Amino acid sequence: MRFLVTAGPTREPIDPVRYISNRSSGKMGYAIVEAALEAGHDVILISGPVNLAPPSNAKLVSVSTSDEMFDAVHRQANKCDVCILCAAVADYKPAKVSPVKIKKRSENFSLELIRTRDILDSLGHQRDRRFLLVGFAAETNHVKENAAKKLHDKNCDIIVANDVSSANSGIESDANEVTILFQNGAPQKISRAPKKIIASELVKIFSKIRNKNV
């Protein structure tokens, strides 16, 4: 079975030295890659900028911006059986990128932001989609409700939701606690555990569902 996994943040440039990004470490995505490799699957990893060594047996595609991530995913998705979009892709980017460093001014400075292309939504509404599509929902409140809405709106097969407001799990942490929501079936919770253990359980679940759908 071939897995595609996205991981890490994106960086949306403001000028040659500044960018908009987020706190994603990429640890969850990289743990999923390792778990999939250990289970004997082929893996394509599309990674934003992270401070992690890429798994040696995965095919690595390095990207920086949301546009690069979008294009890379769409080049690879239809070659795969399972697509797991774990990356924290920016929802907005600067409308214009300055070719030179923006100098400090005495007055306030406003930055116009525009929406980025939605990778999960575009794959979810792809007419000829044959791969299992998994999205992640990093939430700070109303976690299950927001994740359920995302599952419906993006038309994906599975959403993995986690509460990133906790300092002990989620972003930058080595541990996580997730709730898995399915298009069909009751939600399944995986209690707080190291991300490697969470990843192993997720790969087992995704593989089982994919095999049933073949």
N, C-alpha and C. Protein backbone atom coordinates (compact mmCIF):
# COMPACT_ATOMS: atom_id res chain seq x y z
N MET A 1 0.85 -1.19 0.00
CA MET A 1 0.00 0.00 0.00
C MET A 1 0.89 1.25 0.00
N ARG A 2 0.46 2.26 -0.69
CA ARG A 2 1.26 3.50 -0.75
C ARG A 2 0.55 4.62 0.01
N PHE A 3 1.29 5.23 0.92
CA PHE A 3 0.78 6.33 1.73
C PHE A 3 1.38 7.65 1.25
N LEU A 4 0.58 8.69 1.25
CA LEU A 4 1.08 10.06 1.11
C LEU A 4 0.81 10.76 2.43
N VAL A 5 1.83 11.39 3.00
CA VAL A 5 1.68 12.10 4.27
C VAL A 5 2.24 13.51 4.12
N THR A 6 1.46 14.50 4.54
CA THR A 6 2.00 15.86 4.61
C THR A 6 2.30 16.19 6.07
N ALA A 7 3.31 17.01 6.29
CA ALA A 7 3.74 17.30 7.66
C ALA A 7 4.36 18.69 7.75
N GLY A 8 4.35 19.22 8.97
CA GLY A 8 5.01 20.50 9.24
C GLY A 8 4.17 21.70 8.88
N PRO A 9 4.74 22.89 9.01
CA PRO A 9 4.05 24.14 8.69
C PRO A 9 4.32 24.57 7.26
N THR A 10 3.69 25.65 6.85
CA THR A 10 4.10 26.35 5.64
C THR A 10 4.57 27.74 6.03
N ARG A 11 5.29 28.37 5.14
CA ARG A 11 5.76 29.75 5.36
C ARG A 11 5.28 30.61 4.21
N GLU A 12 4.54 31.65 4.54
CA GLU A 12 3.98 32.54 3.52
C GLU A 12 4.75 33.86 3.56
N PRO A 13 5.58 34.14 2.56
CA PRO A 13 6.48 35.29 2.62
C PRO A 13 5.77 36.63 2.60
N ILE A 14 6.31 37.55 3.41
CA ILE A 14 5.88 38.95 3.43
C ILE A 14 6.85 39.79 2.61
N ASP A 15 8.13 39.53 2.85
CA ASP A 15 9.22 40.16 2.10
C ASP A 15 10.38 39.17 2.13
N PRO A 16 11.57 39.52 1.65
CA PRO A 16 12.65 38.52 1.60
C PRO A 16 13.11 37.97 2.94
N VAL A 17 12.77 38.64 4.07
CA VAL A 17 13.26 38.18 5.37
C VAL A 17 12.14 37.80 6.34
N ARG A 18 10.91 38.10 6.03
CA ARG A 18 9.81 37.83 6.95
C ARG A 18 8.76 36.92 6.31
N TYR A 19 8.07 36.18 7.17
CA TYR A 19 7.00 35.31 6.66
C TYR A 19 5.98 35.06 7.76
N ILE A 20 4.80 34.58 7.35
CA ILE A 20 3.76 34.14 8.27
C ILE A 20 3.84 32.62 8.36
N SER A 21 3.84 32.11 9.59
CA SER A 21 3.90 30.66 9.77
C SER A 21 3.15 30.27 11.04
N ASN A 22 3.40 29.08 11.54
CA ASN A 22 2.74 28.61 12.75
C ASN A 22 3.69 27.70 13.53
N ARG A 23 3.22 27.18 14.65
CA ARG A 23 4.09 26.45 15.57
C ARG A 23 4.20 24.95 15.29
N SER A 24 3.67 24.50 14.20
CA SER A 24 3.73 23.06 13.91
C SER A 24 5.17 22.56 13.86
N SER A 25 5.44 21.47 14.58
CA SER A 25 6.78 20.89 14.60
C SER A 25 6.96 19.81 13.54
N GLY A 26 5.85 19.28 13.04
CA GLY A 26 5.92 18.17 12.10
C GLY A 26 6.03 16.80 12.76
N LYS A 27 6.08 16.76 14.09
CA LYS A 27 6.33 15.49 14.80
C LYS A 27 5.25 14.45 14.55
N MET A 28 3.99 14.87 14.51
CA MET A 28 2.91 13.90 14.30
C MET A 28 2.99 13.31 12.89
N GLY A 29 3.18 14.16 11.91
CA GLY A 29 3.28 13.67 10.54
C GLY A 29 4.46 12.74 10.34
N TYR A 30 5.60 13.11 10.90
CA TYR A 30 6.80 12.28 10.76
C TYR A 30 6.63 10.95 11.49
N ALA A 31 5.92 10.97 12.62
CA ALA A 31 5.65 9.72 13.35
C ALA A 31 4.76 8.80 12.52
N ILE A 32 3.80 9.38 11.81
CA ILE A 32 2.93 8.58 10.93
C ILE A 32 3.75 7.96 9.79
N VAL A 33 4.66 8.73 9.24
CA VAL A 33 5.54 8.20 8.18
C VAL A 33 6.33 7.00 8.69
N GLU A 34 6.94 7.15 9.87
CA GLU A 34 7.72 6.05 10.46
C GLU A 34 6.85 4.82 10.69
N ALA A 35 5.64 5.05 11.21
CA ALA A 35 4.74 3.92 11.49
C ALA A 35 4.32 3.21 10.21
N ALA A 36 4.05 3.98 9.17
CA ALA A 36 3.66 3.38 7.89
C ALA A 36 4.82 2.58 7.28
N LEU A 37 6.02 3.11 7.39
CA LEU A 37 7.19 2.38 6.89
C LEU A 37 7.40 1.09 7.66
N GLU A 38 7.25 1.16 8.99
CA GLU A 38 7.42 -0.03 9.82
C GLU A 38 6.37 -1.09 9.50
N ALA A 39 5.20 -0.64 9.05
CA ALA A 39 4.13 -1.58 8.68
C ALA A 39 4.32 -2.14 7.28
N GLY A 40 5.37 -1.71 6.60
CA GLY A 40 5.69 -2.26 5.28
C GLY A 40 5.12 -1.50 4.10
N HIS A 41 4.61 -0.30 4.35
CA HIS A 41 4.02 0.49 3.27
C HIS A 41 5.08 1.37 2.59
N ASP A 42 4.83 1.74 1.35
CA ASP A 42 5.62 2.76 0.67
C ASP A 42 5.07 4.12 1.10
N VAL A 43 5.96 5.09 1.27
CA VAL A 43 5.51 6.39 1.78
C VAL A 43 6.13 7.54 1.00
N ILE A 44 5.28 8.49 0.61
CA ILE A 44 5.71 9.77 0.07
C ILE A 44 5.46 10.81 1.15
N LEU A 45 6.50 11.50 1.58
CA LEU A 45 6.38 12.54 2.60
C LEU A 45 6.54 13.91 1.95
N ILE A 46 5.52 14.73 2.06
CA ILE A 46 5.59 16.11 1.59
C ILE A 46 5.68 16.99 2.82
N SER A 47 6.84 17.59 3.02
CA SER A 47 7.12 18.26 4.29
C SER A 47 7.42 19.74 4.13
N GLY A 48 6.80 20.52 5.02
CA GLY A 48 7.18 21.91 5.17
C GLY A 48 8.47 22.00 5.97
N PRO A 49 8.94 23.22 6.28
CA PRO A 49 10.20 23.40 6.99
C PRO A 49 10.12 22.92 8.44
N VAL A 50 10.89 21.90 8.79
CA VAL A 50 10.91 21.36 10.15
C VAL A 50 12.35 21.08 10.56
N ASN A 51 12.54 20.89 11.86
CA ASN A 51 13.86 20.53 12.39
C ASN A 51 13.89 19.04 12.73
N LEU A 52 13.51 18.22 11.78
CA LEU A 52 13.46 16.78 11.96
C LEU A 52 14.19 16.10 10.81
N ALA A 53 14.87 15.01 11.12
CA ALA A 53 15.53 14.24 10.06
C ALA A 53 14.49 13.42 9.32
N PRO A 54 14.46 13.49 8.00
CA PRO A 54 13.46 12.72 7.24
C PRO A 54 13.75 11.23 7.31
N PRO A 55 12.72 10.40 7.44
CA PRO A 55 12.92 8.94 7.42
C PRO A 55 13.61 8.52 6.12
N SER A 56 14.63 7.71 6.24
CA SER A 56 15.49 7.41 5.09
C SER A 56 14.77 6.62 3.99
N ASN A 57 13.75 5.86 4.34
CA ASN A 57 13.10 5.01 3.34
C ASN A 57 11.87 5.65 2.71
N ALA A 58 11.56 6.87 3.10
CA ALA A 58 10.42 7.58 2.50
C ALA A 58 10.91 8.45 1.35
N LYS A 59 10.05 8.64 0.36
CA LYS A 59 10.35 9.60 -0.70
C LYS A 59 9.99 10.98 -0.18
N LEU A 60 10.98 11.86 -0.07
CA LEU A 60 10.78 13.19 0.51
C LEU A 60 10.60 14.24 -0.57
N VAL A 61 9.54 15.03 -0.41
CA VAL A 61 9.32 16.21 -1.24
C VAL A 61 9.28 17.40 -0.29
N SER A 62 10.27 18.28 -0.37
CA SER A 62 10.35 19.43 0.53
C SER A 62 9.68 20.64 -0.11
N VAL A 63 8.84 21.31 0.68
CA VAL A 63 8.15 22.51 0.21
C VAL A 63 8.25 23.58 1.28
N SER A 64 7.88 24.80 0.93
CA SER A 64 7.88 25.89 1.89
C SER A 64 6.51 26.55 1.99
N THR A 65 5.94 26.97 0.87
CA THR A 65 4.69 27.73 0.89
C THR A 65 3.47 26.82 0.72
N SER A 66 2.30 27.39 0.99
CA SER A 66 1.05 26.64 0.80
C SER A 66 0.83 26.30 -0.67
N ASP A 67 1.21 27.18 -1.57
CA ASP A 67 1.07 26.89 -3.00
C ASP A 67 1.95 25.71 -3.42
N GLU A 68 3.17 25.67 -2.89
CA GLU A 68 4.06 24.55 -3.19
C GLU A 68 3.49 23.25 -2.63
N MET A 69 2.93 23.32 -1.42
CA MET A 69 2.32 22.14 -0.80
C MET A 69 1.13 21.67 -1.64
N PHE A 70 0.28 22.59 -2.05
CA PHE A 70 -0.90 22.26 -2.88
C PHE A 70 -0.47 21.54 -4.15
N ASP A 71 0.48 22.11 -4.86
CA ASP A 71 0.92 21.53 -6.14
C ASP A 71 1.57 20.17 -5.95
N ALA A 72 2.39 20.04 -4.90
CA ALA A 72 3.08 18.77 -4.66
C ALA A 72 2.09 17.66 -4.31
N VAL A 73 1.10 17.97 -3.49
CA VAL A 73 0.09 16.98 -3.12
C VAL A 73 -0.70 16.53 -4.34
N HIS A 74 -1.10 17.47 -5.18
CA HIS A 74 -1.90 17.11 -6.35
C HIS A 74 -1.10 16.33 -7.39
N ARG A 75 0.21 16.49 -7.39
CA ARG A 75 1.04 15.68 -8.30
C ARG A 75 1.12 14.23 -7.84
N GLN A 76 1.01 14.00 -6.53
CA GLN A 76 1.25 12.67 -5.98
C GLN A 76 0.00 11.91 -5.55
N ALA A 77 -1.08 12.61 -5.24
CA ALA A 77 -2.24 12.00 -4.57
C ALA A 77 -2.81 10.79 -5.31
N ASN A 78 -2.99 10.91 -6.60
CA ASN A 78 -3.63 9.83 -7.35
C ASN A 78 -2.74 8.61 -7.55
N LYS A 79 -1.49 8.71 -7.11
CA LYS A 79 -0.60 7.57 -7.15
C LYS A 79 -0.69 6.75 -5.86
N CYS A 80 -1.48 7.22 -4.90
CA CYS A 80 -1.47 6.66 -3.56
C CYS A 80 -2.80 6.00 -3.19
N ASP A 81 -2.74 5.14 -2.17
CA ASP A 81 -3.93 4.47 -1.64
C ASP A 81 -4.52 5.22 -0.45
N VAL A 82 -3.65 5.87 0.31
CA VAL A 82 -4.07 6.61 1.49
C VAL A 82 -3.37 7.96 1.49
N CYS A 83 -4.13 9.04 1.59
CA CYS A 83 -3.57 10.39 1.68
C CYS A 83 -3.89 10.97 3.05
N ILE A 84 -2.85 11.29 3.81
CA ILE A 84 -3.01 11.81 5.17
C ILE A 84 -2.48 13.23 5.21
N LEU A 85 -3.37 14.19 5.33
CA LEU A 85 -2.97 15.60 5.32
C LEU A 85 -2.82 16.08 6.76
N CYS A 86 -1.61 15.92 7.26
CA CYS A 86 -1.30 16.25 8.65
C CYS A 86 -0.63 17.62 8.78
N ALA A 87 -0.18 18.18 7.68
CA ALA A 87 0.53 19.47 7.71
C ALA A 87 -0.39 20.60 8.19
N ALA A 88 0.21 21.57 8.85
CA ALA A 88 -0.52 22.77 9.28
C ALA A 88 -0.32 23.85 8.21
N VAL A 89 -1.14 23.78 7.19
CA VAL A 89 -1.02 24.70 6.05
C VAL A 89 -1.69 26.02 6.39
N ALA A 90 -1.03 27.11 6.06
CA ALA A 90 -1.59 28.44 6.35
C ALA A 90 -2.94 28.62 5.65
N ASP A 91 -3.88 29.22 6.36
CA ASP A 91 -5.19 29.53 5.77
C ASP A 91 -5.16 30.83 4.97
N TYR A 92 -4.20 31.69 5.30
CA TYR A 92 -4.09 33.00 4.65
C TYR A 92 -2.64 33.28 4.30
N LYS A 93 -2.45 34.12 3.29
CA LYS A 93 -1.12 34.55 2.88
C LYS A 93 -1.20 36.02 2.47
N PRO A 94 -0.07 36.74 2.48
CA PRO A 94 -0.08 38.14 2.05
C PRO A 94 -0.54 38.28 0.60
N ALA A 95 -1.37 39.28 0.36
CA ALA A 95 -1.87 39.53 -1.00
C ALA A 95 -0.73 39.92 -1.93
N LYS A 96 0.25 40.63 -1.40
CA LYS A 96 1.43 41.03 -2.17
C LYS A 96 2.68 40.74 -1.36
N VAL A 97 3.72 40.29 -2.05
CA VAL A 97 5.01 40.05 -1.41
C VAL A 97 5.97 41.13 -1.85
N SER A 98 6.54 41.84 -0.88
CA SER A 98 7.48 42.90 -1.22
C SER A 98 8.80 42.31 -1.72
N PRO A 99 9.36 42.81 -2.81
CA PRO A 99 10.63 42.29 -3.31
C PRO A 99 11.82 42.73 -2.47
N VAL A 100 11.62 43.74 -1.62
CA VAL A 100 12.67 44.23 -0.74
C VAL A 100 12.15 44.25 0.69
N LYS A 101 13.06 44.29 1.65
CA LYS A 101 12.66 44.31 3.06
C LYS A 101 11.83 45.55 3.36
N ILE A 102 10.69 45.35 4.01
CA ILE A 102 9.82 46.46 4.39
C ILE A 102 10.44 47.17 5.60
N LYS A 103 10.69 48.46 5.46
CA LYS A 103 11.35 49.22 6.52
C LYS A 103 10.36 49.64 7.60
N LYS A 104 10.88 49.77 8.81
CA LYS A 104 10.06 50.23 9.93
C LYS A 104 9.60 51.67 9.69
N ARG A 105 8.34 51.93 10.04
CA ARG A 105 7.78 53.27 9.86
C ARG A 105 7.29 53.80 11.19
N SER A 106 7.03 55.10 11.22
CA SER A 106 6.52 55.71 12.45
C SER A 106 5.04 55.40 12.65
N GLU A 107 4.32 55.18 11.54
CA GLU A 107 2.90 54.89 11.63
C GLU A 107 2.66 53.38 11.64
N ASN A 108 1.43 52.99 11.97
CA ASN A 108 1.07 51.57 11.95
C ASN A 108 1.12 51.03 10.53
N PHE A 109 1.26 49.73 10.45
CA PHE A 109 1.38 49.07 9.15
C PHE A 109 0.33 47.96 9.06
N SER A 110 -0.43 47.95 7.99
CA SER A 110 -1.45 46.92 7.78
C SER A 110 -1.03 45.99 6.65
N LEU A 111 -1.34 44.72 6.83
CA LEU A 111 -0.98 43.71 5.84
C LEU A 111 -2.26 43.04 5.35
N GLU A 112 -2.53 43.12 4.05
CA GLU A 112 -3.71 42.47 3.50
C GLU A 112 -3.44 40.99 3.28
N LEU A 113 -4.34 40.16 3.79
CA LEU A 113 -4.20 38.71 3.64
C LEU A 113 -5.31 38.17 2.75
N ILE A 114 -4.98 37.17 1.97
CA ILE A 114 -5.96 36.50 1.12
C ILE A 114 -5.95 35.01 1.43
N ARG A 115 -7.03 34.34 1.09
CA ARG A 115 -7.15 32.91 1.35
C ARG A 115 -6.15 32.12 0.51
N THR A 116 -5.62 31.06 1.11
CA THR A 116 -4.80 30.12 0.36
C THR A 116 -5.70 29.04 -0.24
N ARG A 117 -5.18 28.28 -1.18
CA ARG A 117 -5.95 27.19 -1.77
C ARG A 117 -6.10 26.05 -0.76
N ASP A 118 -7.29 25.50 -0.66
CA ASP A 118 -7.61 24.48 0.34
C ASP A 118 -7.31 23.09 -0.23
N ILE A 119 -6.27 22.47 0.28
CA ILE A 119 -5.83 21.18 -0.25
C ILE A 119 -6.83 20.08 0.07
N LEU A 120 -7.27 20.01 1.32
CA LEU A 120 -8.19 18.96 1.73
C LEU A 120 -9.51 19.06 0.97
N ASP A 121 -10.02 20.26 0.84
CA ASP A 121 -11.29 20.47 0.15
C ASP A 121 -11.18 20.08 -1.34
N SER A 122 -10.08 20.44 -1.95
CA SER A 122 -9.92 20.14 -3.38
C SER A 122 -9.83 18.64 -3.63
N LEU A 123 -9.15 17.92 -2.74
CA LEU A 123 -9.06 16.47 -2.89
C LEU A 123 -10.39 15.80 -2.55
N GLY A 124 -11.05 16.31 -1.51
CA GLY A 124 -12.31 15.72 -1.09
C GLY A 124 -13.39 15.80 -2.15
N HIS A 125 -13.35 16.84 -2.97
CA HIS A 125 -14.36 17.02 -4.00
C HIS A 125 -13.87 16.61 -5.39
N GLN A 126 -12.77 15.87 -5.41
CA GLN A 126 -12.27 15.33 -6.67
C GLN A 126 -13.17 14.18 -7.12
N ARG A 127 -13.74 14.27 -8.29
CA ARG A 127 -14.77 13.32 -8.74
C ARG A 127 -14.27 11.88 -8.84
N ASP A 128 -13.05 11.72 -9.32
CA ASP A 128 -12.54 10.37 -9.57
C ASP A 128 -11.66 9.85 -8.44
N ARG A 129 -11.85 10.39 -7.23
CA ARG A 129 -10.97 10.02 -6.11
C ARG A 129 -11.15 8.55 -5.74
N ARG A 130 -10.02 7.85 -5.65
CA ARG A 130 -10.04 6.44 -5.26
C ARG A 130 -9.27 6.18 -3.97
N PHE A 131 -8.52 7.15 -3.51
CA PHE A 131 -7.72 6.97 -2.30
C PHE A 131 -8.53 7.34 -1.05
N LEU A 132 -8.13 6.76 0.08
CA LEU A 132 -8.70 7.12 1.37
C LEU A 132 -8.13 8.47 1.76
N LEU A 133 -9.00 9.41 2.09
CA LEU A 133 -8.57 10.78 2.39
C LEU A 133 -8.76 11.08 3.87
N VAL A 134 -7.65 11.41 4.53
CA VAL A 134 -7.64 11.70 5.96
C VAL A 134 -7.17 13.13 6.20
N GLY A 135 -7.96 13.89 6.93
CA GLY A 135 -7.56 15.24 7.31
C GLY A 135 -7.34 15.33 8.81
N PHE A 136 -6.66 16.37 9.23
CA PHE A 136 -6.45 16.64 10.66
C PHE A 136 -7.12 17.96 11.01
N ALA A 137 -7.66 18.03 12.22
CA ALA A 137 -8.29 19.25 12.72
C ALA A 137 -7.66 19.61 14.05
N ALA A 138 -6.83 20.65 14.04
CA ALA A 138 -6.23 21.16 15.28
C ALA A 138 -7.14 22.25 15.82
N GLU A 139 -7.76 22.00 16.96
CA GLU A 139 -8.77 22.91 17.49
C GLU A 139 -8.42 23.36 18.91
N THR A 140 -8.97 24.50 19.30
CA THR A 140 -8.77 25.00 20.67
C THR A 140 -10.07 25.01 21.47
N ASN A 141 -11.20 24.86 20.80
CA ASN A 141 -12.50 24.77 21.49
C ASN A 141 -13.50 24.07 20.58
N HIS A 142 -14.55 23.54 21.20
CA HIS A 142 -15.58 22.80 20.45
C HIS A 142 -14.94 21.82 19.47
N VAL A 143 -14.03 21.02 20.00
CA VAL A 143 -13.17 20.20 19.15
C VAL A 143 -13.97 19.24 18.26
N LYS A 144 -14.84 18.44 18.86
CA LYS A 144 -15.59 17.45 18.08
C LYS A 144 -16.56 18.11 17.10
N GLU A 145 -17.20 19.19 17.55
CA GLU A 145 -18.16 19.89 16.68
C GLU A 145 -17.46 20.48 15.45
N ASN A 146 -16.32 21.15 15.69
CA ASN A 146 -15.59 21.75 14.58
C ASN A 146 -15.02 20.68 13.64
N ALA A 147 -14.56 19.58 14.22
CA ALA A 147 -14.01 18.50 13.40
C ALA A 147 -15.10 17.83 12.56
N ALA A 148 -16.29 17.66 13.15
CA ALA A 148 -17.40 17.05 12.41
C ALA A 148 -17.82 17.93 11.24
N LYS A 149 -17.81 19.23 11.46
CA LYS A 149 -18.15 20.17 10.38
C LYS A 149 -17.11 20.08 9.26
N LYS A 150 -15.84 19.98 9.64
CA LYS A 150 -14.77 19.88 8.65
C LYS A 150 -14.91 18.58 7.85
N LEU A 151 -15.23 17.49 8.53
CA LEU A 151 -15.43 16.20 7.87
C LEU A 151 -16.50 16.31 6.80
N HIS A 152 -17.59 16.98 7.14
CA HIS A 152 -18.71 17.14 6.20
C HIS A 152 -18.36 18.10 5.07
N ASP A 153 -17.84 19.28 5.44
CA ASP A 153 -17.60 20.32 4.44
C ASP A 153 -16.53 19.93 3.43
N LYS A 154 -15.48 19.25 3.90
CA LYS A 154 -14.36 18.90 3.01
C LYS A 154 -14.60 17.59 2.25
N ASN A 155 -15.64 16.86 2.66
CA ASN A 155 -15.99 15.61 1.99
C ASN A 155 -14.84 14.59 2.02
N CYS A 156 -14.14 14.53 3.15
CA CYS A 156 -13.08 13.54 3.29
C CYS A 156 -13.64 12.31 4.02
N ASP A 157 -12.85 11.26 4.12
CA ASP A 157 -13.31 10.01 4.72
C ASP A 157 -13.15 10.00 6.23
N ILE A 158 -12.09 10.63 6.70
CA ILE A 158 -11.75 10.60 8.13
C ILE A 158 -11.18 11.96 8.53
N ILE A 159 -11.51 12.39 9.74
CA ILE A 159 -10.85 13.54 10.36
C ILE A 159 -10.27 13.10 11.69
N VAL A 160 -9.01 13.44 11.91
CA VAL A 160 -8.36 13.20 13.20
C VAL A 160 -8.31 14.54 13.93
N ALA A 161 -9.04 14.64 15.03
CA ALA A 161 -9.15 15.90 15.76
C ALA A 161 -8.30 15.86 17.02
N ASN A 162 -7.64 16.98 17.29
CA ASN A 162 -6.92 17.09 18.56
C ASN A 162 -7.03 18.50 19.11
N ASP A 163 -7.02 18.57 20.44
CA ASP A 163 -7.14 19.84 21.16
C ASP A 163 -5.73 20.40 21.37
N VAL A 164 -5.40 21.46 20.64
CA VAL A 164 -4.05 22.01 20.72
C VAL A 164 -3.93 23.10 21.77
N SER A 165 -4.98 23.30 22.57
CA SER A 165 -4.90 24.30 23.64
C SER A 165 -4.15 23.76 24.85
N SER A 166 -3.98 22.44 24.92
CA SER A 166 -3.27 21.82 26.03
C SER A 166 -1.77 21.86 25.80
N ALA A 167 -1.02 22.21 26.85
CA ALA A 167 0.44 22.28 26.74
C ALA A 167 1.06 20.89 26.73
N ASN A 168 0.30 19.88 27.14
CA ASN A 168 0.85 18.53 27.29
C ASN A 168 0.62 17.63 26.08
N SER A 169 -0.05 18.16 25.07
CA SER A 169 -0.27 17.36 23.87
C SER A 169 -0.47 18.29 22.68
N GLY A 170 -0.34 17.71 21.49
CA GLY A 170 -0.56 18.52 20.29
C GLY A 170 0.68 19.23 19.81
N ILE A 171 0.55 20.50 19.48
CA ILE A 171 1.62 21.27 18.85
C ILE A 171 2.90 21.27 19.68
N GLU A 172 4.01 20.95 19.05
CA GLU A 172 5.36 20.96 19.62
C GLU A 172 5.60 19.88 20.67
N SER A 173 4.57 19.22 21.15
CA SER A 173 4.71 18.19 22.17
C SER A 173 5.09 16.85 21.53
N ASP A 174 5.67 15.96 22.35
CA ASP A 174 5.97 14.61 21.89
C ASP A 174 4.80 13.66 22.11
N ALA A 175 3.73 14.17 22.72
CA ALA A 175 2.54 13.36 22.99
C ALA A 175 1.33 13.97 22.29
N ASN A 176 0.28 13.18 22.21
CA ASN A 176 -0.95 13.66 21.60
C ASN A 176 -2.13 12.88 22.16
N GLU A 177 -3.31 13.41 21.94
CA GLU A 177 -4.57 12.76 22.29
C GLU A 177 -5.55 13.12 21.19
N VAL A 178 -6.12 12.13 20.53
CA VAL A 178 -6.92 12.42 19.35
C VAL A 178 -8.28 11.73 19.39
N THR A 179 -9.21 12.29 18.65
CA THR A 179 -10.50 11.67 18.40
C THR A 179 -10.64 11.51 16.89
N ILE A 180 -10.96 10.30 16.45
CA ILE A 180 -11.07 10.01 15.02
C ILE A 180 -12.55 10.01 14.64
N LEU A 181 -12.90 10.82 13.67
CA LEU A 181 -14.27 10.89 13.18
C LEU A 181 -14.34 10.30 11.78
N PHE A 182 -15.37 9.49 11.54
CA PHE A 182 -15.54 8.80 10.27
C PHE A 182 -16.82 9.26 9.58
N GLN A 183 -16.85 9.13 8.27
CA GLN A 183 -18.10 9.40 7.55
C GLN A 183 -19.18 8.42 7.97
N ASN A 184 -18.77 7.19 8.23
CA ASN A 184 -19.70 6.16 8.69
C ASN A 184 -19.13 5.50 9.94
N GLY A 185 -19.89 5.51 11.02
CA GLY A 185 -19.42 4.88 12.24
C GLY A 185 -19.20 5.87 13.36
N ALA A 186 -19.12 5.34 14.58
CA ALA A 186 -18.96 6.16 15.78
C ALA A 186 -17.53 6.68 15.89
N PRO A 187 -17.36 7.87 16.50
CA PRO A 187 -16.00 8.39 16.73
C PRO A 187 -15.19 7.44 17.61
N GLN A 188 -13.89 7.48 17.43
CA GLN A 188 -12.99 6.63 18.21
C GLN A 188 -11.92 7.51 18.85
N LYS A 189 -11.77 7.38 20.15
CA LYS A 189 -10.79 8.21 20.87
C LYS A 189 -9.54 7.40 21.17
N ILE A 190 -8.39 8.04 20.99
CA ILE A 190 -7.12 7.47 21.43
C ILE A 190 -6.59 8.38 22.52
N SER A 191 -6.48 7.84 23.73
CA SER A 191 -6.07 8.64 24.89
C SER A 191 -4.62 9.10 24.75
N ARG A 192 -4.26 10.07 25.59
CA ARG A 192 -2.93 10.69 25.52
C ARG A 192 -1.84 9.63 25.56
N ALA A 193 -0.93 9.73 24.60
CA ALA A 193 0.18 8.78 24.48
C ALA A 193 1.25 9.43 23.62
N PRO A 194 2.47 8.87 23.63
CA PRO A 194 3.50 9.39 22.73
C PRO A 194 3.02 9.37 21.28
N LYS A 195 3.44 10.34 20.50
CA LYS A 195 2.97 10.44 19.12
C LYS A 195 3.32 9.20 18.30
N LYS A 196 4.41 8.52 18.65
CA LYS A 196 4.77 7.30 17.92
C LYS A 196 3.70 6.22 18.10
N ILE A 197 3.15 6.13 19.31
CA ILE A 197 2.11 5.14 19.58
C ILE A 197 0.81 5.54 18.89
N ILE A 198 0.47 6.82 18.99
CA ILE A 198 -0.72 7.33 18.29
C ILE A 198 -0.61 7.04 16.80
N ALA A 199 0.55 7.31 16.24
CA ALA A 199 0.77 7.12 14.80
C ALA A 199 0.59 5.67 14.39
N SER A 200 1.11 4.76 15.19
CA SER A 200 0.99 3.33 14.89
C SER A 200 -0.48 2.90 14.87
N GLU A 201 -1.26 3.39 15.83
CA GLU A 201 -2.69 3.06 15.87
C GLU A 201 -3.42 3.64 14.66
N LEU A 202 -3.07 4.86 14.30
CA LEU A 202 -3.72 5.50 13.16
C LEU A 202 -3.44 4.73 11.87
N VAL A 203 -2.21 4.33 11.67
CA VAL A 203 -1.85 3.59 10.45
C VAL A 203 -2.62 2.27 10.38
N LYS A 204 -2.76 1.59 11.51
CA LYS A 204 -3.53 0.34 11.54
C LYS A 204 -4.98 0.58 11.13
N ILE A 205 -5.57 1.64 11.69
CA ILE A 205 -6.97 1.97 11.40
C ILE A 205 -7.16 2.32 9.93
N PHE A 206 -6.29 3.19 9.42
CA PHE A 206 -6.41 3.63 8.03
C PHE A 206 -6.21 2.46 7.06
N SER A 207 -5.24 1.61 7.36
CA SER A 207 -4.96 0.46 6.48
C SER A 207 -6.14 -0.50 6.44
N LYS A 208 -6.74 -0.74 7.61
CA LYS A 208 -7.88 -1.64 7.69
C LYS A 208 -9.06 -1.11 6.88
N ILE A 209 -9.33 0.18 7.00
CA ILE A 209 -10.45 0.78 6.27
C ILE A 209 -10.18 0.76 4.77
N ARG A 210 -8.96 1.08 4.38
CA ARG A 210 -8.61 1.08 2.96
C ARG A 210 -8.77 -0.32 2.36
N ASN A 211 -8.33 -1.33 3.10
CA ASN A 211 -8.45 -2.70 2.61
C ASN A 211 -9.90 -3.13 2.45
N LYS A 212 -10.77 -2.64 3.33
CA LYS A 212 -12.19 -2.97 3.24
C LYS A 212 -12.83 -2.33 2.01
N ASN A 213 -12.31 -1.16 1.65
CA ASN A 213 -12.92 -0.40 0.55
C ASN A 213 -12.44 -0.83 -0.83
N VAL A 214 -11.40 -1.66 -0.86
CA VAL A 214 -10.84 -2.08 -2.16
C VAL A 214 -11.78 -3.10 -2.82
